[in-house]
Each structure stands twice: as C-alpha cells, then as structure tokens.
Amino acid sequence: MLVIRPIRASDFDALMLCAEESGHGFTSLPVDADLLQGRINNSLESFAKHVTSPGMEGYLMVAEDTETGEVAGTTGIEAAIGLDNPFYSYHLTKVVHSSRKLNVHNIVEVLTFGNNYTGATEICTLFLRPEFRGGLNGKLLSKCRFLMLAEFPERFADVVFAEMRGVSDDDGNSPFWQWLKDNFFSIDFTLADYLTGIGAKGFIADLMPKLPIYVSLLSEEARAVIGQVHPKTRPALRLLEKEGFSCRGYVDIFDAGPTVECLRHNIESVRHSFNATASVREHSSAQHYLISNTDFAGFRATAAKAALDPETNHVVIAPEVAEALQVKDGDRLRLIAMEE
C-alpha cells in the first residue's frame, strides 16, 4: 500500500533519486542538492505554519510504501506562484492584419511574454518511479492534492494550474528552445531548464524577447511543438483534463509545453469529494476510494477499499488503512470514489 505524507528531512536521498530518474525537462526536480534541500526545508516550514490565505508556502509530499518504507514518488503544491521569483509564460493569441482598401485580411498567431499566473496555485513535482506505476498509484499521487485543496481551501488560490512538460528528445533538446537559442540565447535547453529550476531566472528577463513573437516566423519544427506534451506526460495530462483542466493558450517559455488550469471549486475531485466519519473494522466492500485524514500538518492519503453508509455518513475502513492514515474510530475523513 502507498500512503501520501508530507516530506521529511530524512527523505533527501529519496527525493534526489526521484530527481535523477525524472529526466530532462522536469524543472521542479533539478538534480541540485542545495535546491532540493531548500524545497524540503520550505515544505517543513509550510506544513507547520498557520495560514489564512495563500502565500509563498510550498507543500512537498512523498508516496511511501507501507510495507518496505521505500519512497515511490513525490508530488507537490505551490500555494501562490510568482510572489518571490517571477513566473514567466507565453500566451498564444491571434491578431488581425487587414486592409479593406487592398481586400487583405490575415489572422496570425503571436506569442506574448508575461506573468499572468502570478498569485495562482500550482500543482507540480508529480513523479512516480517506474517500478511503482500501475493500479491506482498514479491517480493517488495526482488526486491526493485535490483532497487537500478541498479540505483546506483557505491555503490555496481560486485559480489552480499545472505546467506540462513539452516536447524534447532523449538528450533534452527542445525544438522550440532551439529556435529561441539561435535567435536570442546562446545556451543549451538543459542548462536553461536547470537554471530555471534552481531559481536563477535573471537571464530570462535579460535575454528573452519582450515584444510579441509572430508564430509564422518560427521554424517549422518549433511551430509543430507549441502546446504539445512530452510522450511521458500524456497520462498526467489526460488525468487533469478529466478533472476539468484545460489550456487557455499559455505555454512554457522554454519547451512550449501547455499550461492547463481550472478554478479550484470546479475541479471534479474537489466538487465530488465528501466528508465521512471513520469506522475501523474489517469489511468486504469492493468499492475503491481515495481517502485522506483531515489533519493538515499530519496529512495522509491512500487508495483503498471502503464501505460507505450514506444514511449515517460513516465509512468502514480496514485497520491497516486506519493505521496508514493515522486515524481511529470517529475521526473525520475526506473521500473520492475511484474506479480501477
């Protein structure tokens, strides 16, 4: 059984392993000891902090195998992005060039540089190690964040978004970045991605073109990947789309991967999650639920079978599930019904 819990100081080596296995383009998990230690420290402070409105808190969690104690993956939430370091994106829009006199009417696409997601909540750092992929593990790692958003709304913004990894090859080369590099930068995509991951973003403001870029001027290879996701990211994108997330034309400034967003109260798992009282005993129900406790500092979530009694609003969970969630009879739970 996997259980989601807040990261601990002792999880550093496991987080570094996730960073090494995640590959190129995973900006929020760079292979940098100081940065990863900083993220752990910030998460420890954030989980312990009393919060009434979203700020610079970052909540980093891991999935732990309850049988072996091994860390299977990681997932996170940034409460309000761009308050300490600027968050950049491109917005893909259309402009019209027309002349009635010449009977010419052209609609062209442009990429506009900006900081429009400042203050929004970002769901990020989702990585499940290959040997743990399968069953409900991927859904647990993603959807556990929505249980947290539903139970503790005061900690998060109204707009929730996720950056999806864009197209790059096995060596980390991005067709979109190649065009930017040839015209405005002189560094490789992997270095630019790494510098962004460690917070060294000054080069972006210094070198990135500030005026809108006409998409028609880009190379054919760069145009083809705008708004496209890396093959390994497609399952994560499909899951978010089922939750109600959609792209409103914002893409990453390096690999042009899409940014998807949804209003917090419109996220399917937030809308359909519910509270119930725990009854701890053996049962024979076959219905799967994603279940969390309601203790923020000691947050726990897992995927397990449970038996719900709608009339009494009690849910029967097995003793091993109660142990994983650190709850007892009479404690309050939050649940989402799940399908295999």
Foldseek 3Di string as FASTA:
>chain_A
DKKKWFDDLVCLVVLLVQLVQVAAQQLQRHNDSVLSNVLSVLQLPLLVDDFQAADQGKTKMFIADPVPRHTFFIWIKGAFPCPVPADKWWFKDWDWDDDPVVGDIDIFIWTAIDRVRGGAMEIGRTTGDPVPDDDCVSVLRPCVVLVVCLLCVSHHDQKYKYAAGFDDDNVNAALQQVQCCVPFNVDGLRVQSHCVSSPVCPVCVVTPDRDIDTLVPGDPRNSVGAQHHYPVRVVVVVVQVVQVWDFNRIAHPRRNHTMTMDGSCSGNSSVQKDKAFEDEADDDAPWKKWKWFSSSSGIMIDIDGWAADVVRRYIYDYPVVCVRRVHHGGGMMIIDTDDD
